[in-house]
Each structure stands twice: as structure tokens, then as C-alpha cells.
Amino acid sequence: MGDVTEDLITTRLETLARNVEASYGEAVVVQRPDIWEVALSDAAGAGISVEWCDNGPGTHLLYVDVGRHSVTLHRDDDSVDYLEQIVRAAVTGGITESRRPGRSRLEIPLADGMTATESGYGVSFARDQPHTYPAYSTGRA
């Protein structure tokens, strides 16, 4: 029974990538370095990138990079729902990223009007002003 759930997760993740490609066309660059990894970026270069890595059936985690921030999620339907909201927020604009020495923070606007916050620790030595990323665009007028 567990294998069916794993297969459904794989299908949902691939559907997400295809839907973003179909919905946003030339504004989004979708790369698939291998069968389990998807990277989205803004064609104009100003929006925040989103990558996810799914190691496939039998694993329990999804690895997600949003800009320079990494998020680890359980490999389940709720996490795919959350990833869909992260992708929507990246493509439509509004994710805010802050970095402090050794720390990073994301504020992700959700469809219901709430804001999800992801905090992490890493090797950042910079102290940045919070930066809110714009919506993806083709960069053409």
C-alpha cells in the first residue's frame, strides 16, 4: 500500500512542474537535471528560484531550495500541497528572504492570506536587508 502513495507523490510533483510550464510559459525556465529533480527559475532573472529533489519511491523526504534557503519536508500529500504554494508564491511574487550571519529566513505568502515562515541555519556571512522577490516575467516589454 505504501508504494501507491509514493507513486502518487511522484505523479503530483511531475504534474506540478508541467502545470507551471503550461501556465507561465516563457516567464519560467523549468530544468530537469535528472528524473527526480526539478528546478524553476525566472526567465528575466529577478524572481526567486525554487528547486525540489524527490529521491523517489521508498524515501521519506523532499528537499526544497528556495533561493539560498533549504527546506526539508516529509514526502506526503500535505508537503506537496505546501510545495505548490511555495511555487505559486515564487512565480507570482511576494516571497521575502532575509539573511543574517549563520541564519536565513523566508516569508512565503499563502493562498489563504496567511504567511508561512521558514527559518534555517547555514553558512551565510552576509547581513542583508529583507528582499521581496517580484513575479516571474519574460524580461521583455
C-alpha atoms as a PDB file:
ATOM      1  CA  MET A   1       0.000   0.000   0.000  1.00  0.00           C
ATOM      2  CA  GLY A   2       2.853   2.418   0.762  1.00  0.00           C
ATOM      3  CA  ASP A   3       4.131   2.122  -2.814  1.00  0.00           C
ATOM      4  CA  VAL A   4       0.829   3.518  -4.152  1.00  0.00           C
ATOM      5  CA  THR A   5       1.256   6.669  -2.019  1.00  0.00           C
ATOM      6  CA  GLU A   6       4.862   7.004  -3.204  1.00  0.00           C
ATOM      7  CA  ASP A   7       3.771   6.744  -6.819  1.00  0.00           C
ATOM      8  CA  LEU A   8       1.042   9.345  -6.260  1.00  0.00           C
ATOM      9  CA  ILE A   9       3.604  11.759  -4.795  1.00  0.00           C
ATOM     10  CA  THR A  10       5.882  11.313  -7.799  1.00  0.00           C
ATOM     11  CA  THR A  11       2.925  11.928 -10.126  1.00  0.00           C
ATOM     12  CA  ARG A  12       1.857  15.063  -8.222  1.00  0.00           C
ATOM     13  CA  LEU A  13       5.366  16.513  -8.340  1.00  0.00           C
ATOM     14  CA  GLU A  14       5.670  15.927 -12.075  1.00  0.00           C
ATOM     15  CA  THR A  15       2.189  17.388 -12.626  1.00  0.00           C
ATOM     16  CA  LEU A  16       3.234  20.473 -10.655  1.00  0.00           C
ATOM     17  CA  ALA A  17       6.250  21.020 -12.926  1.00  0.00           C
ATOM     18  CA  ARG A  18       4.161  20.530 -16.083  1.00  0.00           C
ATOM     19  CA  ASN A  19       1.410  22.872 -14.826  1.00  0.00           C
ATOM     20  CA  VAL A  20       3.907  25.633 -14.052  1.00  0.00           C
ATOM     21  CA  GLU A  21       5.407  25.245 -17.524  1.00  0.00           C
ATOM     22  CA  ALA A  22       1.981  25.339 -19.183  1.00  0.00           C
ATOM     23  CA  SER A  23       0.609  28.203 -17.071  1.00  0.00           C
ATOM     24  CA  TYR A  24       3.560  30.595 -17.122  1.00  0.00           C
ATOM     25  CA  GLY A  25       5.148  29.754 -20.472  1.00  0.00           C
ATOM     26  CA  GLU A  26       8.204  31.794 -21.351  1.00  0.00           C
ATOM     27  CA  ALA A  27       8.343  33.521 -17.932  1.00  0.00           C
ATOM     28  CA  VAL A  28       9.558  30.334 -16.246  1.00  0.00           C
ATOM     29  CA  VAL A  29      12.564  28.189 -17.010  1.00  0.00           C
ATOM     30  CA  VAL A  30      11.985  24.569 -15.974  1.00  0.00           C
ATOM     31  CA  GLN A  31      15.013  22.301 -15.833  1.00  0.00           C
ATOM     32  CA  ARG A  32      15.077  18.622 -15.008  1.00  0.00           C
ATOM     33  CA  PRO A  33      18.722  17.658 -14.321  1.00  0.00           C
ATOM     34  CA  ASP A  34      17.596  14.103 -13.614  1.00  0.00           C
ATOM     35  CA  ILE A  35      14.420  12.098 -13.172  1.00  0.00           C
ATOM     36  CA  TRP A  36      13.891  13.144  -9.538  1.00  0.00           C
ATOM     37  CA  GLU A  37      14.885  16.822  -9.629  1.00  0.00           C
ATOM     38  CA  VAL A  38      13.103  19.932 -10.915  1.00  0.00           C
ATOM     39  CA  ALA A  39      14.463  23.492 -10.929  1.00  0.00           C
ATOM     40  CA  LEU A  40      12.299  26.535 -11.655  1.00  0.00           C
ATOM     41  CA  SER A  41      13.694  29.981 -12.322  1.00  0.00           C
ATOM     42  CA  ASP A  42      12.524  33.326 -13.627  1.00  0.00           C
ATOM     43  CA  ALA A  43      13.396  33.842 -17.302  1.00  0.00           C
ATOM     44  CA  ALA A  44      14.153  37.507 -16.548  1.00  0.00           C
ATOM     45  CA  GLY A  45      16.385  36.580 -13.602  1.00  0.00           C
ATOM     46  CA  ALA A  46      14.733  38.744 -10.932  1.00  0.00           C
ATOM     47  CA  GLY A  47      12.411  36.218  -9.243  1.00  0.00           C
ATOM     48  CA  ILE A  48      13.418  33.708  -6.586  1.00  0.00           C
ATOM     49  CA  SER A  49      14.300  30.206  -7.796  1.00  0.00           C
ATOM     50  CA  VAL A  50      12.690  27.015  -6.491  1.00  0.00           C
ATOM     51  CA  GLU A  51      14.184  23.542  -6.790  1.00  0.00           C
ATOM     52  CA  TRP A  52      12.982  20.280  -5.411  1.00  0.00           C
ATOM     53  CA  CYS A  53      14.551  16.879  -5.214  1.00  0.00           C
ATOM     54  CA  ASP A  54      12.463  13.772  -4.759  1.00  0.00           C
ATOM     55  CA  ASN A  55      14.544  10.647  -4.347  1.00  0.00           C
ATOM     56  CA  GLY A  56      11.571   8.581  -5.400  1.00  0.00           C
ATOM     57  CA  PRO A  57       9.540   5.714  -4.028  1.00  0.00           C
ATOM     58  CA  GLY A  58      10.783   4.328  -0.746  1.00  0.00           C
ATOM     59  CA  THR A  59      12.150   7.635   0.567  1.00  0.00           C
ATOM     60  CA  HIS A  60      10.529   9.794   3.205  1.00  0.00           C
ATOM     61  CA  LEU A  61      11.795  13.306   2.497  1.00  0.00           C
ATOM     62  CA  LEU A  62      11.565  16.023  -0.149  1.00  0.00           C
ATOM     63  CA  TYR A  63      14.399  18.519  -0.374  1.00  0.00           C
ATOM     64  CA  VAL A  64      13.395  22.007  -1.450  1.00  0.00           C
ATOM     65  CA  ASP A  65      15.640  25.010  -2.149  1.00  0.00           C
ATOM     66  CA  VAL A  66      14.009  28.428  -2.316  1.00  0.00           C
ATOM     67  CA  GLY A  67      16.629  30.959  -3.331  1.00  0.00           C
ATOM     68  CA  ARG A  68      19.542  30.331  -0.975  1.00  0.00           C
ATOM     69  CA  HIS A  69      17.353  28.710   1.674  1.00  0.00           C
ATOM     70  CA  SER A  70      16.840  24.944   2.057  1.00  0.00           C
ATOM     71  CA  VAL A  71      13.693  23.314   3.428  1.00  0.00           C
ATOM     72  CA  THR A  72      13.277  19.610   4.176  1.00  0.00           C
ATOM     73  CA  LEU A  73       9.721  18.281   4.002  1.00  0.00           C
ATOM     74  CA  HIS A  74       8.130  14.902   4.631  1.00  0.00           C
ATOM     75  CA  ARG A  75       7.282  13.124   1.403  1.00  0.00           C
ATOM     76  CA  ASP A  76       3.488  13.242   1.711  1.00  0.00           C
ATOM     77  CA  ASP A  77       0.418  14.962   0.280  1.00  0.00           C
ATOM     78  CA  ASP A  78       0.486  17.837   2.795  1.00  0.00           C
ATOM     79  CA  SER A  79       4.075  18.647   1.838  1.00  0.00           C
ATOM     80  CA  VAL A  80       3.251  18.595  -1.878  1.00  0.00           C
ATOM     81  CA  ASP A  81       0.357  20.981  -1.111  1.00  0.00           C
ATOM     82  CA  TYR A  82       2.847  23.262   0.682  1.00  0.00           C
ATOM     83  CA  LEU A  83       5.364  22.992  -2.163  1.00  0.00           C
ATOM     84  CA  GLU A  84       2.611  24.005  -4.602  1.00  0.00           C
ATOM     85  CA  GLN A  85       2.034  27.135  -2.502  1.00  0.00           C
ATOM     86  CA  ILE A  86       5.775  27.898  -2.404  1.00  0.00           C
ATOM     87  CA  VAL A  87       5.929  27.585  -6.198  1.00  0.00           C
ATOM     88  CA  ARG A  88       2.840  29.770  -6.645  1.00  0.00           C
ATOM     89  CA  ALA A  89       4.327  32.437  -4.357  1.00  0.00           C
ATOM     90  CA  ALA A  90       7.660  32.335  -6.210  1.00  0.00           C
ATOM     91  CA  VAL A  91       6.087  32.621  -9.663  1.00  0.00           C
ATOM     92  CA  THR A  92       3.531  35.280  -8.733  1.00  0.00           C
ATOM     93  CA  GLY A  93       5.959  37.216  -6.494  1.00  0.00           C
ATOM     94  CA  GLY A  94       5.991  38.143  -2.840  1.00  0.00           C
ATOM     95  CA  ILE A  95       8.443  35.771  -1.115  1.00  0.00           C
ATOM     96  CA  THR A  96      10.692  37.739   1.243  1.00  0.00           C
ATOM     97  CA  GLU A  97      14.182  36.455   2.035  1.00  0.00           C
ATOM     98  CA  SER A  98      16.349  37.734   4.906  1.00  0.00           C
ATOM     99  CA  ARG A  99      19.864  36.662   5.807  1.00  0.00           C
ATOM    100  CA  ARG A 100      21.882  37.230   8.944  1.00  0.00           C
ATOM    101  CA  PRO A 101      25.244  35.732   9.864  1.00  0.00           C
ATOM    102  CA  GLY A 102      24.622  31.977  10.008  1.00  0.00           C
ATOM    103  CA  ARG A 103      20.852  32.282   9.530  1.00  0.00           C
ATOM    104  CA  SER A 104      18.255  32.733   6.832  1.00  0.00           C
ATOM    105  CA  ARG A 105      14.518  33.320   6.856  1.00  0.00           C
ATOM    106  CA  LEU A 106      11.780  33.132   4.247  1.00  0.00           C
ATOM    107  CA  GLU A 107       8.316  34.609   4.466  1.00  0.00           C
ATOM    108  CA  ILE A 108       6.013  32.912   1.981  1.00  0.00           C
ATOM    109  CA  PRO A 109       2.570  34.374   1.244  1.00  0.00           C
ATOM    110  CA  LEU A 110      -0.026  31.597   1.104  1.00  0.00           C
ATOM    111  CA  ALA A 111      -3.227  31.415  -0.922  1.00  0.00           C
ATOM    112  CA  ASP A 112      -5.391  31.838   2.200  1.00  0.00           C
ATOM    113  CA  GLY A 113      -3.763  35.193   3.042  1.00  0.00           C
ATOM    114  CA  MET A 114      -1.565  33.781   5.809  1.00  0.00           C
ATOM    115  CA  THR A 115       2.244  33.862   5.698  1.00  0.00           C
ATOM    116  CA  ALA A 116       4.416  30.793   6.265  1.00  0.00           C
ATOM    117  CA  THR A 117       7.836  31.389   7.790  1.00  0.00           C
ATOM    118  CA  GLU A 118      10.819  29.128   7.224  1.00  0.00           C
ATOM    119  CA  SER A 119      13.964  29.736   9.280  1.00  0.00           C
ATOM    120  CA  GLY A 120      17.248  27.969   8.823  1.00  0.00           C
ATOM    121  CA  TYR A 121      20.874  27.954   9.727  1.00  0.00           C
ATOM    122  CA  GLY A 122      23.670  27.895   7.240  1.00  0.00           C
ATOM    123  CA  VAL A 123      26.938  29.413   6.190  1.00  0.00           C
ATOM    124  CA  SER A 124      25.698  32.887   5.269  1.00  0.00           C
ATOM    125  CA  PHE A 125      28.088  35.544   6.488  1.00  0.00           C
ATOM    126  CA  ALA A 126      26.147  38.388   4.913  1.00  0.00           C
ATOM    127  CA  ARG A 127      23.694  40.666   6.637  1.00  0.00           C
ATOM    128  CA  ASP A 128      21.114  41.676   4.070  1.00  0.00           C
ATOM    129  CA  GLN A 129      18.100  43.886   4.174  1.00  0.00           C
ATOM    130  CA  PRO A 130      14.979  41.771   3.646  1.00  0.00           C
ATOM    131  CA  HIS A 131      14.343  41.380  -0.067  1.00  0.00           C
ATOM    132  CA  THR A 132      10.910  40.690  -1.557  1.00  0.00           C
ATOM    133  CA  TYR A 133      11.141  38.971  -4.927  1.00  0.00           C
ATOM    134  CA  PRO A 134       8.984  40.037  -7.904  1.00  0.00           C
ATOM    135  CA  ALA A 135       6.774  37.821 -10.050  1.00  0.00           C
ATOM    136  CA  TYR A 136       8.399  35.856 -12.836  1.00  0.00           C
ATOM    137  CA  SER A 137       8.443  37.547 -16.229  1.00  0.00           C
ATOM    138  CA  THR A 138       9.965  37.110 -19.660  1.00  0.00           C
ATOM    139  CA  GLY A 139      12.011  40.287 -19.233  1.00  0.00           C
ATOM    140  CA  ARG A 140      10.508  41.659 -22.440  1.00  0.00           C
ATOM    141  CA  ALA A 141       8.492  44.836 -22.543  1.00  0.00           C
END
